[in-house]
Amino acid sequence: MAKEFPVPPVVFTPSTPTHRRHPPPGMGVSPPPAFAPPRPSTSSAANPLPFMSFDVSAAAASSSSAPPLFAGPIGVGGSGASFEDEPPLLEELGINTRQIWRKTISILHPFRSTDPSLHADADLSGPFLFLLSFGLFQLLAGKFHFGIVLGWVTVASLFLYFVFSMLSGGRRGDLDLYRCVSLVGYCMLPMVIFSAVSLFLPRGGGFIFGVGMAFVIWSTRVCTRLLGELASSGDEHRGLIAYACWLVYMLFSLLVIF
């Protein structure tokens, strides 16, 4: 037989509705006030972060009355120098455009004696410009010879320097490898002119060979004179020096012709 337990009755009391009823039309209802969280003015144990009031006008007045931190002029490295006092970029790189122009003009006169003291101060800016121009003219002719030109000039400079070392027996005077590269590069100017002129000459004829030989003699004459003046034993072996220079510039002329 099942045992019965007495259950007390459950009474549900009516509660207020949770939804908000709209007021009837015509009756104004004031909006609820905006929520503003309390901000304590002082710190306490429960609130360790103090809140301070900030006045914009007072802060601006205090910042305008404060003395400037840097009263002196600001310069590079704190020295007070301005950019107007800085030297030009070409001068910092060691490129003297006036000297390059004077060397170029001295080589452009094939029948005038070149001043060797002008080329005593060697540089590679002018030779690099001439070699770049030579390669550009060859590129206009459909030949990509930039690497070949740079390699041949390097080998030619080493060849002439070795020839002078063998002829002078170690007495090279003011001629070193850097100055030798500079002279070979500057004397490439007639070859640059020949490379530009060859664009308008017929290919495969004897006329272009004659023009090329004239420019080779021009470069050989200038380079032989400059190398002979700067080297101590250049006058004694001028014929051998001229032959070595002729071989160098003949190779460049063949590069232009073919």
C-alpha atoms as a PDB file:
ATOM      1  CA  MET A   1       0.000   0.000   0.000  1.00  0.00           C
ATOM      2  CA  ALA A   2       1.448   3.388  -1.071  1.00  0.00           C
ATOM      3  CA  LYS A   3       2.173   5.947   1.576  1.00  0.00           C
ATOM      4  CA  GLU A   4       0.651   9.388   1.109  1.00  0.00           C
ATOM      5  CA  PHE A   5       2.419  12.606   2.081  1.00  0.00           C
ATOM      6  CA  PRO A   6       0.502  15.792   2.791  1.00  0.00           C
ATOM      7  CA  VAL A   7       1.403  18.578   0.280  1.00  0.00           C
ATOM      8  CA  PRO A   8       0.692  22.175   1.277  1.00  0.00           C
ATOM      9  CA  PRO A   9      -1.254  24.210  -1.274  1.00  0.00           C
ATOM     10  CA  VAL A  10       0.708  26.647  -3.502  1.00  0.00           C
ATOM     11  CA  VAL A  11      -0.803  30.104  -3.899  1.00  0.00           C
ATOM     12  CA  PHE A  12       0.383  32.395  -6.767  1.00  0.00           C
ATOM     13  CA  THR A  13       0.056  36.055  -5.858  1.00  0.00           C
ATOM     14  CA  PRO A  14      -0.421  38.546  -8.720  1.00  0.00           C
ATOM     15  CA  SER A  15       2.670  40.715  -9.286  1.00  0.00           C
ATOM     16  CA  THR A  16       3.142  44.010 -11.039  1.00  0.00           C
ATOM     17  CA  PRO A  17       3.795  43.705 -14.790  1.00  0.00           C
ATOM     18  CA  THR A  18       7.395  44.111 -15.868  1.00  0.00           C
ATOM     19  CA  HIS A  19       6.532  45.743 -19.161  1.00  0.00           C
ATOM     20  CA  ARG A  20       6.047  49.493 -19.357  1.00  0.00           C
ATOM     21  CA  ARG A  21       2.717  50.682 -20.579  1.00  0.00           C
ATOM     22  CA  HIS A  22       2.618  53.679 -22.910  1.00  0.00           C
ATOM     23  CA  PRO A  23       0.829  56.642 -21.458  1.00  0.00           C
ATOM     24  CA  PRO A  24      -2.309  57.753 -23.173  1.00  0.00           C
ATOM     25  CA  PRO A  25      -1.928  60.531 -25.732  1.00  0.00           C
ATOM     26  CA  GLY A  26      -2.015  64.013 -24.359  1.00  0.00           C
ATOM     27  CA  MET A  27      -0.248  63.246 -21.116  1.00  0.00           C
ATOM     28  CA  GLY A  28       3.435  64.390 -21.064  1.00  0.00           C
ATOM     29  CA  VAL A  29       5.957  62.270 -19.337  1.00  0.00           C
ATOM     30  CA  SER A  30       9.280  63.754 -18.248  1.00  0.00           C
ATOM     31  CA  PRO A  31      12.319  61.795 -19.513  1.00  0.00           C
ATOM     32  CA  PRO A  32      14.400  60.011 -16.918  1.00  0.00           C
ATOM     33  CA  PRO A  33      17.510  61.856 -15.733  1.00  0.00           C
ATOM     34  CA  ALA A  34      20.835  61.002 -17.411  1.00  0.00           C
ATOM     35  CA  PHE A  35      22.976  58.544 -15.595  1.00  0.00           C
ATOM     36  CA  ALA A  36      25.989  60.164 -13.945  1.00  0.00           C
ATOM     37  CA  PRO A  37      28.267  57.939 -11.893  1.00  0.00           C
ATOM     38  CA  PRO A  38      29.477  59.418  -8.650  1.00  0.00           C
ATOM     39  CA  ARG A  39      33.078  60.668  -8.709  1.00  0.00           C
ATOM     40  CA  PRO A  40      34.672  60.988  -5.319  1.00  0.00           C
ATOM     41  CA  SER A  41      36.878  64.004  -4.838  1.00  0.00           C
ATOM     42  CA  THR A  42      39.376  62.420  -2.507  1.00  0.00           C
ATOM     43  CA  SER A  43      41.020  59.065  -2.335  1.00  0.00           C
ATOM     44  CA  SER A  44      40.101  56.545   0.255  1.00  0.00           C
ATOM     45  CA  ALA A  45      40.959  53.015   1.158  1.00  0.00           C
ATOM     46  CA  ALA A  46      38.189  51.705  -1.110  1.00  0.00           C
ATOM     47  CA  ASN A  47      39.113  54.064  -3.962  1.00  0.00           C
ATOM     48  CA  PRO A  48      42.932  54.522  -4.115  1.00  0.00           C
ATOM     49  CA  LEU A  49      42.861  56.546  -7.385  1.00  0.00           C
ATOM     50  CA  PRO A  50      42.194  60.237  -6.719  1.00  0.00           C
ATOM     51  CA  PHE A  51      40.201  62.302  -9.190  1.00  0.00           C
ATOM     52  CA  MET A  52      41.370  65.874  -9.697  1.00  0.00           C
ATOM     53  CA  SER A  53      39.583  68.642 -11.517  1.00  0.00           C
ATOM     54  CA  PHE A  54      41.241  70.078 -14.630  1.00  0.00           C
ATOM     55  CA  ASP A  55      40.856  73.686 -15.695  1.00  0.00           C
ATOM     56  CA  VAL A  56      41.814  74.317 -19.350  1.00  0.00           C
ATOM     57  CA  SER A  57      42.186  78.090 -19.016  1.00  0.00           C
ATOM     58  CA  ALA A  58      44.426  77.795 -15.963  1.00  0.00           C
ATOM     59  CA  ALA A  59      46.642  75.234 -17.693  1.00  0.00           C
ATOM     60  CA  ALA A  60      47.023  77.441 -20.786  1.00  0.00           C
ATOM     61  CA  ALA A  61      47.964  80.445 -18.660  1.00  0.00           C
ATOM     62  CA  SER A  62      50.562  78.480 -16.725  1.00  0.00           C
ATOM     63  CA  SER A  63      52.121  77.037 -19.906  1.00  0.00           C
ATOM     64  CA  SER A  64      52.393  80.469 -21.546  1.00  0.00           C
ATOM     65  CA  SER A  65      54.101  81.970 -18.521  1.00  0.00           C
ATOM     66  CA  ALA A  66      56.627  79.109 -18.210  1.00  0.00           C
ATOM     67  CA  PRO A  67      60.116  79.811 -19.692  1.00  0.00           C
ATOM     68  CA  PRO A  68      61.105  77.833 -22.844  1.00  0.00           C
ATOM     69  CA  LEU A  69      63.233  74.765 -22.333  1.00  0.00           C
ATOM     70  CA  PHE A  70      65.497  75.396 -25.375  1.00  0.00           C
ATOM     71  CA  ALA A  71      66.322  79.073 -25.599  1.00  0.00           C
ATOM     72  CA  GLY A  72      69.333  78.761 -27.900  1.00  0.00           C
ATOM     73  CA  PRO A  73      69.357  77.876 -31.617  1.00  0.00           C
ATOM     74  CA  ILE A  74      69.091  74.250 -32.548  1.00  0.00           C
ATOM     75  CA  GLY A  75      71.949  73.054 -34.765  1.00  0.00           C
ATOM     76  CA  VAL A  76      73.478  69.858 -36.018  1.00  0.00           C
ATOM     77  CA  GLY A  77      75.056  68.014 -33.146  1.00  0.00           C
ATOM     78  CA  GLY A  78      74.311  70.921 -30.790  1.00  0.00           C
ATOM     79  CA  SER A  79      76.995  73.123 -32.344  1.00  0.00           C
ATOM     80  CA  GLY A  80      74.536  75.744 -33.548  1.00  0.00           C
ATOM     81  CA  ALA A  81      75.600  75.450 -37.203  1.00  0.00           C
ATOM     82  CA  SER A  82      72.909  75.893 -39.833  1.00  0.00           C
ATOM     83  CA  PHE A  83      72.402  74.044 -43.091  1.00  0.00           C
ATOM     84  CA  GLU A  84      73.633  77.065 -45.052  1.00  0.00           C
ATOM     85  CA  ASP A  85      77.113  76.536 -43.624  1.00  0.00           C
ATOM     86  CA  GLU A  86      77.278  72.924 -44.818  1.00  0.00           C
ATOM     87  CA  PRO A  87      79.554  72.269 -47.843  1.00  0.00           C
ATOM     88  CA  PRO A  88      77.963  71.035 -51.086  1.00  0.00           C
ATOM     89  CA  LEU A  89      77.373  67.333 -51.522  1.00  0.00           C
ATOM     90  CA  LEU A  90      79.797  67.025 -54.449  1.00  0.00           C
ATOM     91  CA  GLU A  91      82.524  68.624 -52.368  1.00  0.00           C
ATOM     92  CA  GLU A  92      81.892  66.197 -49.514  1.00  0.00           C
ATOM     93  CA  LEU A  93      82.145  63.295 -51.961  1.00  0.00           C
ATOM     94  CA  GLY A  94      85.440  64.633 -53.314  1.00  0.00           C
ATOM     95  CA  ILE A  95      84.075  65.437 -56.796  1.00  0.00           C
ATOM     96  CA  ASN A  96      85.583  68.626 -58.207  1.00  0.00           C
ATOM     97  CA  THR A  97      83.520  69.476 -61.281  1.00  0.00           C
ATOM     98  CA  ARG A  98      85.747  72.409 -62.237  1.00  0.00           C
ATOM     99  CA  GLN A  99      88.847  70.240 -62.247  1.00  0.00           C
ATOM    100  CA  ILE A 100      87.067  67.544 -64.281  1.00  0.00           C
ATOM    101  CA  TRP A 101      86.074  70.161 -66.839  1.00  0.00           C
ATOM    102  CA  ARG A 102      89.646  71.480 -67.091  1.00  0.00           C
ATOM    103  CA  LYS A 103      91.020  67.976 -67.628  1.00  0.00           C
ATOM    104  CA  THR A 104      88.400  67.318 -70.294  1.00  0.00           C
ATOM    105  CA  ILE A 105      89.241  70.527 -72.150  1.00  0.00           C
ATOM    106  CA  SER A 106      92.963  69.714 -72.024  1.00  0.00           C
ATOM    107  CA  ILE A 107      92.361  66.359 -73.737  1.00  0.00           C
ATOM    108  CA  LEU A 108      90.011  67.795 -76.361  1.00  0.00           C
ATOM    109  CA  HIS A 109      92.934  69.635 -78.036  1.00  0.00           C
ATOM    110  CA  PRO A 110      94.888  66.907 -79.862  1.00  0.00           C
ATOM    111  CA  PHE A 111      97.618  69.243 -81.135  1.00  0.00           C
ATOM    112  CA  ARG A 112      98.154  71.181 -77.920  1.00  0.00           C
ATOM    113  CA  SER A 113     100.499  69.933 -75.230  1.00  0.00           C
ATOM    114  CA  THR A 114      98.590  68.771 -72.178  1.00  0.00           C
ATOM    115  CA  ASP A 115      99.588  70.113 -68.789  1.00  0.00           C
ATOM    116  CA  PRO A 116     100.749  67.070 -66.778  1.00  0.00           C
ATOM    117  CA  SER A 117     100.416  68.892 -63.450  1.00  0.00           C
ATOM    118  CA  LEU A 118      96.679  69.124 -64.084  1.00  0.00           C
ATOM    119  CA  HIS A 119      96.403  65.328 -64.157  1.00  0.00           C
ATOM    120  CA  ALA A 120      98.740  64.812 -61.206  1.00  0.00           C
ATOM    121  CA  ASP A 121      95.696  65.020 -58.929  1.00  0.00           C
ATOM    122  CA  ALA A 122      93.985  61.800 -59.946  1.00  0.00           C
ATOM    123  CA  ASP A 123      90.260  61.140 -59.660  1.00  0.00           C
ATOM    124  CA  LEU A 124      87.848  58.521 -60.960  1.00  0.00           C
ATOM    125  CA  SER A 125      84.730  60.681 -61.349  1.00  0.00           C
ATOM    126  CA  GLY A 126      85.617  61.895 -64.841  1.00  0.00           C
ATOM    127  CA  PRO A 127      86.730  58.459 -66.130  1.00  0.00           C
ATOM    128  CA  PHE A 128      83.551  56.867 -64.799  1.00  0.00           C
ATOM    129  CA  LEU A 129      81.490  59.494 -66.614  1.00  0.00           C
ATOM    130  CA  PHE A 130      83.370  58.846 -69.876  1.00  0.00           C
ATOM    131  CA  LEU A 131      83.011  55.079 -69.579  1.00  0.00           C
ATOM    132  CA  LEU A 132      79.307  55.446 -68.856  1.00  0.00           C
ATOM    133  CA  SER A 133      78.903  57.640 -71.941  1.00  0.00           C
ATOM    134  CA  PHE A 134      80.846  55.121 -74.031  1.00  0.00           C
ATOM    135  CA  GLY A 135      78.543  52.338 -72.869  1.00  0.00           C
ATOM    136  CA  LEU A 136      75.422  54.418 -73.575  1.00  0.00           C
ATOM    137  CA  PHE A 137      76.518  55.147 -77.149  1.00  0.00           C
ATOM    138  CA  GLN A 138      77.221  51.457 -77.641  1.00  0.00           C
ATOM    139  CA  LEU A 139      73.771  50.704 -76.277  1.00  0.00           C
ATOM    140  CA  LEU A 140      72.270  53.016 -78.898  1.00  0.00           C
ATOM    141  CA  ALA A 141      74.131  50.959 -81.497  1.00  0.00           C
ATOM    142  CA  GLY A 142      72.504  47.785 -80.158  1.00  0.00           C
ATOM    143  CA  LYS A 143      75.473  46.560 -78.093  1.00  0.00           C
ATOM    144  CA  PHE A 144      75.402  46.012 -74.346  1.00  0.00           C
ATOM    145  CA  HIS A 145      79.051  46.516 -73.364  1.00  0.00           C
ATOM    146  CA  PHE A 146      78.972  48.102 -69.890  1.00  0.00           C
ATOM    147  CA  GLY A 147      80.643  45.188 -68.134  1.00  0.00           C
ATOM    148  CA  ILE A 148      83.127  44.651 -70.956  1.00  0.00           C
ATOM    149  CA  VAL A 149      84.186  48.311 -70.938  1.00  0.00           C
ATOM    150  CA  LEU A 150      84.750  48.401 -67.178  1.00  0.00           C
ATOM    151  CA  GLY A 151      86.658  45.129 -67.275  1.00  0.00           C
ATOM    152  CA  TRP A 152      88.862  46.190 -70.187  1.00  0.00           C
ATOM    153  CA  VAL A 153      89.743  49.512 -68.570  1.00  0.00           C
ATOM    154  CA  THR A 154      90.752  47.726 -65.381  1.00  0.00           C
ATOM    155  CA  VAL A 155      92.885  45.209 -67.270  1.00  0.00           C
ATOM    156  CA  ALA A 156      94.411  47.969 -69.438  1.00  0.00           C
ATOM    157  CA  SER A 157      95.377  50.003 -66.371  1.00  0.00           C
ATOM    158  CA  LEU A 158      96.995  46.975 -64.757  1.00  0.00           C
ATOM    159  CA  PHE A 159      98.790  46.222 -68.031  1.00  0.00           C
ATOM    160  CA  LEU A 160     100.238  49.736 -68.365  1.00  0.00           C
ATOM    161  CA  TYR A 161     101.212  49.806 -64.703  1.00  0.00           C
ATOM    162  CA  PHE A 162     103.010  46.470 -65.120  1.00  0.00           C
ATOM    163  CA  VAL A 163     104.788  47.749 -68.252  1.00  0.00           C
ATOM    164  CA  PHE A 164     106.025  50.816 -66.383  1.00  0.00           C
ATOM    165  CA  SER A 165     107.187  48.666 -63.506  1.00  0.00           C
ATOM    166  CA  MET A 166     109.219  46.499 -65.872  1.00  0.00           C
ATOM    167  CA  LEU A 167     110.690  49.441 -67.805  1.00  0.00           C
ATOM    168  CA  SER A 168     111.594  51.611 -64.845  1.00  0.00           C
ATOM    169  CA  GLY A 169     112.877  48.846 -62.583  1.00  0.00           C
ATOM    170  CA  GLY A 170     110.772  50.047 -59.663  1.00  0.00           C
ATOM    171  CA  ARG A 171     111.310  53.789 -60.307  1.00  0.00           C
ATOM    172  CA  ARG A 172     107.819  54.876 -61.317  1.00  0.00           C
ATOM    173  CA  GLY A 173     108.028  58.456 -60.091  1.00  0.00           C
ATOM    174  CA  ASP A 174     104.582  59.903 -59.364  1.00  0.00           C
ATOM    175  CA  LEU A 175     102.774  57.149 -61.252  1.00  0.00           C
ATOM    176  CA  ASP A 176     100.804  54.738 -59.096  1.00  0.00           C
ATOM    177  CA  LEU A 177      97.951  52.390 -59.945  1.00  0.00           C
ATOM    178  CA  TYR A 178      95.220  54.867 -58.987  1.00  0.00           C
ATOM    179  CA  ARG A 179      96.735  57.613 -61.147  1.00  0.00           C
ATOM    180  CA  CYS A 180      97.237  55.151 -63.998  1.00  0.00           C
ATOM    181  CA  VAL A 181      93.526  54.225 -63.944  1.00  0.00           C
ATOM    182  CA  SER A 182      92.648  57.931 -63.944  1.00  0.00           C
ATOM    183  CA  LEU A 183      94.857  58.656 -66.973  1.00  0.00           C
ATOM    184  CA  VAL A 184      93.561  55.704 -68.979  1.00  0.00           C
ATOM    185  CA  GLY A 185      89.982  56.743 -68.206  1.00  0.00           C
ATOM    186  CA  TYR A 186      90.462  60.387 -69.172  1.00  0.00           C
ATOM    187  CA  CYS A 187      92.200  59.426 -72.407  1.00  0.00           C
ATOM    188  CA  MET A 188      89.083  57.414 -73.290  1.00  0.00           C
ATOM    189  CA  LEU A 189      87.418  60.697 -74.301  1.00  0.00           C
ATOM    190  CA  PRO A 190      88.416  60.357 -78.016  1.00  0.00           C
ATOM    191  CA  MET A 191      86.987  56.839 -77.969  1.00  0.00           C
ATOM    192  CA  VAL A 192      83.725  58.213 -76.558  1.00  0.00           C
ATOM    193  CA  ILE A 193      83.582  60.711 -79.430  1.00  0.00           C
ATOM    194  CA  PHE A 194      84.303  57.928 -81.918  1.00  0.00           C
ATOM    195  CA  SER A 195      81.535  55.824 -80.396  1.00  0.00           C
ATOM    196  CA  ALA A 196      79.090  58.706 -80.911  1.00  0.00           C
ATOM    197  CA  VAL A 197      80.282  59.447 -84.461  1.00  0.00           C
ATOM    198  CA  SER A 198      80.099  55.775 -85.462  1.00  0.00           C
ATOM    199  CA  LEU A 199      76.317  55.868 -85.091  1.00  0.00           C
ATOM    200  CA  PHE A 200      76.156  57.936 -88.296  1.00  0.00           C
ATOM    201  CA  LEU A 201      78.856  56.098 -90.285  1.00  0.00           C
ATOM    202  CA  PRO A 202      78.230  53.185 -92.677  1.00  0.00           C
ATOM    203  CA  ARG A 203      79.151  49.770 -91.341  1.00  0.00           C
ATOM    204  CA  GLY A 204      81.569  47.411 -92.997  1.00  0.00           C
ATOM    205  CA  GLY A 205      83.445  49.960 -95.092  1.00  0.00           C
ATOM    206  CA  GLY A 206      86.984  51.225 -94.995  1.00  0.00           C
ATOM    207  CA  PHE A 207      85.890  54.715 -94.028  1.00  0.00           C
ATOM    208  CA  ILE A 208      84.955  53.758 -90.475  1.00  0.00           C
ATOM    209  CA  PHE A 209      88.321  52.012 -90.074  1.00  0.00           C
ATOM    210  CA  GLY A 210      90.149  55.189 -91.088  1.00  0.00           C
ATOM    211  CA  VAL A 211      88.101  57.325 -88.691  1.00  0.00           C
ATOM    212  CA  GLY A 212      88.694  54.817 -85.910  1.00  0.00           C
ATOM    213  CA  MET A 213      92.447  54.841 -86.527  1.00  0.00           C
ATOM    214  CA  ALA A 214      92.505  58.641 -86.265  1.00  0.00           C
ATOM    215  CA  PHE A 215      90.786  58.531 -82.875  1.00  0.00           C
ATOM    216  CA  VAL A 216      93.107  55.739 -81.707  1.00  0.00           C
ATOM    217  CA  ILE A 217      96.151  57.868 -82.580  1.00  0.00           C
ATOM    218  CA  TRP A 218      94.580  60.789 -80.727  1.00  0.00           C
ATOM    219  CA  SER A 219      94.071  58.765 -77.525  1.00  0.00           C
ATOM    220  CA  THR A 220      97.509  57.146 -77.828  1.00  0.00           C
ATOM    221  CA  ARG A 221      99.284  60.477 -78.235  1.00  0.00           C
ATOM    222  CA  VAL A 222      97.625  62.095 -75.225  1.00  0.00           C
ATOM    223  CA  CYS A 223      98.021  59.066 -72.960  1.00  0.00           C
ATOM    224  CA  THR A 224     101.681  58.562 -73.931  1.00  0.00           C
ATOM    225  CA  ARG A 225     102.536  62.180 -73.176  1.00  0.00           C
ATOM    226  CA  LEU A 226     100.807  62.164 -69.792  1.00  0.00           C
ATOM    227  CA  LEU A 227     102.303  58.841 -68.731  1.00  0.00           C
ATOM    228  CA  GLY A 228     105.766  59.934 -69.848  1.00  0.00           C
ATOM    229  CA  GLU A 229     105.553  63.177 -67.891  1.00  0.00           C
ATOM    230  CA  LEU A 230     104.316  61.584 -64.678  1.00  0.00           C
ATOM    231  CA  ALA A 231     106.701  58.608 -64.747  1.00  0.00           C
ATOM    232  CA  SER A 232     110.365  59.053 -63.950  1.00  0.00           C
ATOM    233  CA  SER A 233     111.668  56.983 -66.899  1.00  0.00           C
ATOM    234  CA  GLY A 234     108.940  57.836 -69.391  1.00  0.00           C
ATOM    235  CA  ASP A 235     111.136  59.770 -71.816  1.00  0.00           C
ATOM    236  CA  GLU A 236     113.585  56.896 -72.162  1.00  0.00           C
ATOM    237  CA  HIS A 237     110.949  54.388 -73.303  1.00  0.00           C
ATOM    238  CA  ARG A 238     108.398  56.614 -75.005  1.00  0.00           C
ATOM    239  CA  GLY A 239     108.137  54.281 -78.017  1.00  0.00           C
ATOM    240  CA  LEU A 240     107.301  51.251 -75.902  1.00  0.00           C
ATOM    241  CA  ILE A 241     104.804  53.271 -73.881  1.00  0.00           C
ATOM    242  CA  ALA A 242     103.122  54.490 -77.063  1.00  0.00           C
ATOM    243  CA  TYR A 243     102.896  50.937 -78.392  1.00  0.00           C
ATOM    244  CA  ALA A 244     101.240  49.708 -75.176  1.00  0.00           C
ATOM    245  CA  CYS A 245      98.743  52.595 -75.250  1.00  0.00           C
ATOM    246  CA  TRP A 246      98.050  51.952 -78.930  1.00  0.00           C
ATOM    247  CA  LEU A 247      97.159  48.322 -78.178  1.00  0.00           C
ATOM    248  CA  VAL A 248      94.767  49.384 -75.425  1.00  0.00           C
ATOM    249  CA  TYR A 249      92.808  51.918 -77.450  1.00  0.00           C
ATOM    250  CA  MET A 250      92.867  49.776 -80.584  1.00  0.00           C
ATOM    251  CA  LEU A 251      90.854  47.184 -78.667  1.00  0.00           C
ATOM    252  CA  PHE A 252      88.230  49.793 -77.785  1.00  0.00           C
ATOM    253  CA  SER A 253      88.032  50.960 -81.399  1.00  0.00           C
ATOM    254  CA  LEU A 254      87.453  47.378 -82.554  1.00  0.00           C
ATOM    255  CA  LEU A 255      84.719  47.136 -79.942  1.00  0.00           C
ATOM    256  CA  VAL A 256      83.027  50.111 -81.599  1.00  0.00           C
ATOM    257  CA  ILE A 257      83.508  48.948 -85.190  1.00  0.00           C
ATOM    258  CA  PHE A 258      82.382  45.365 -84.745  1.00  0.00           C
END
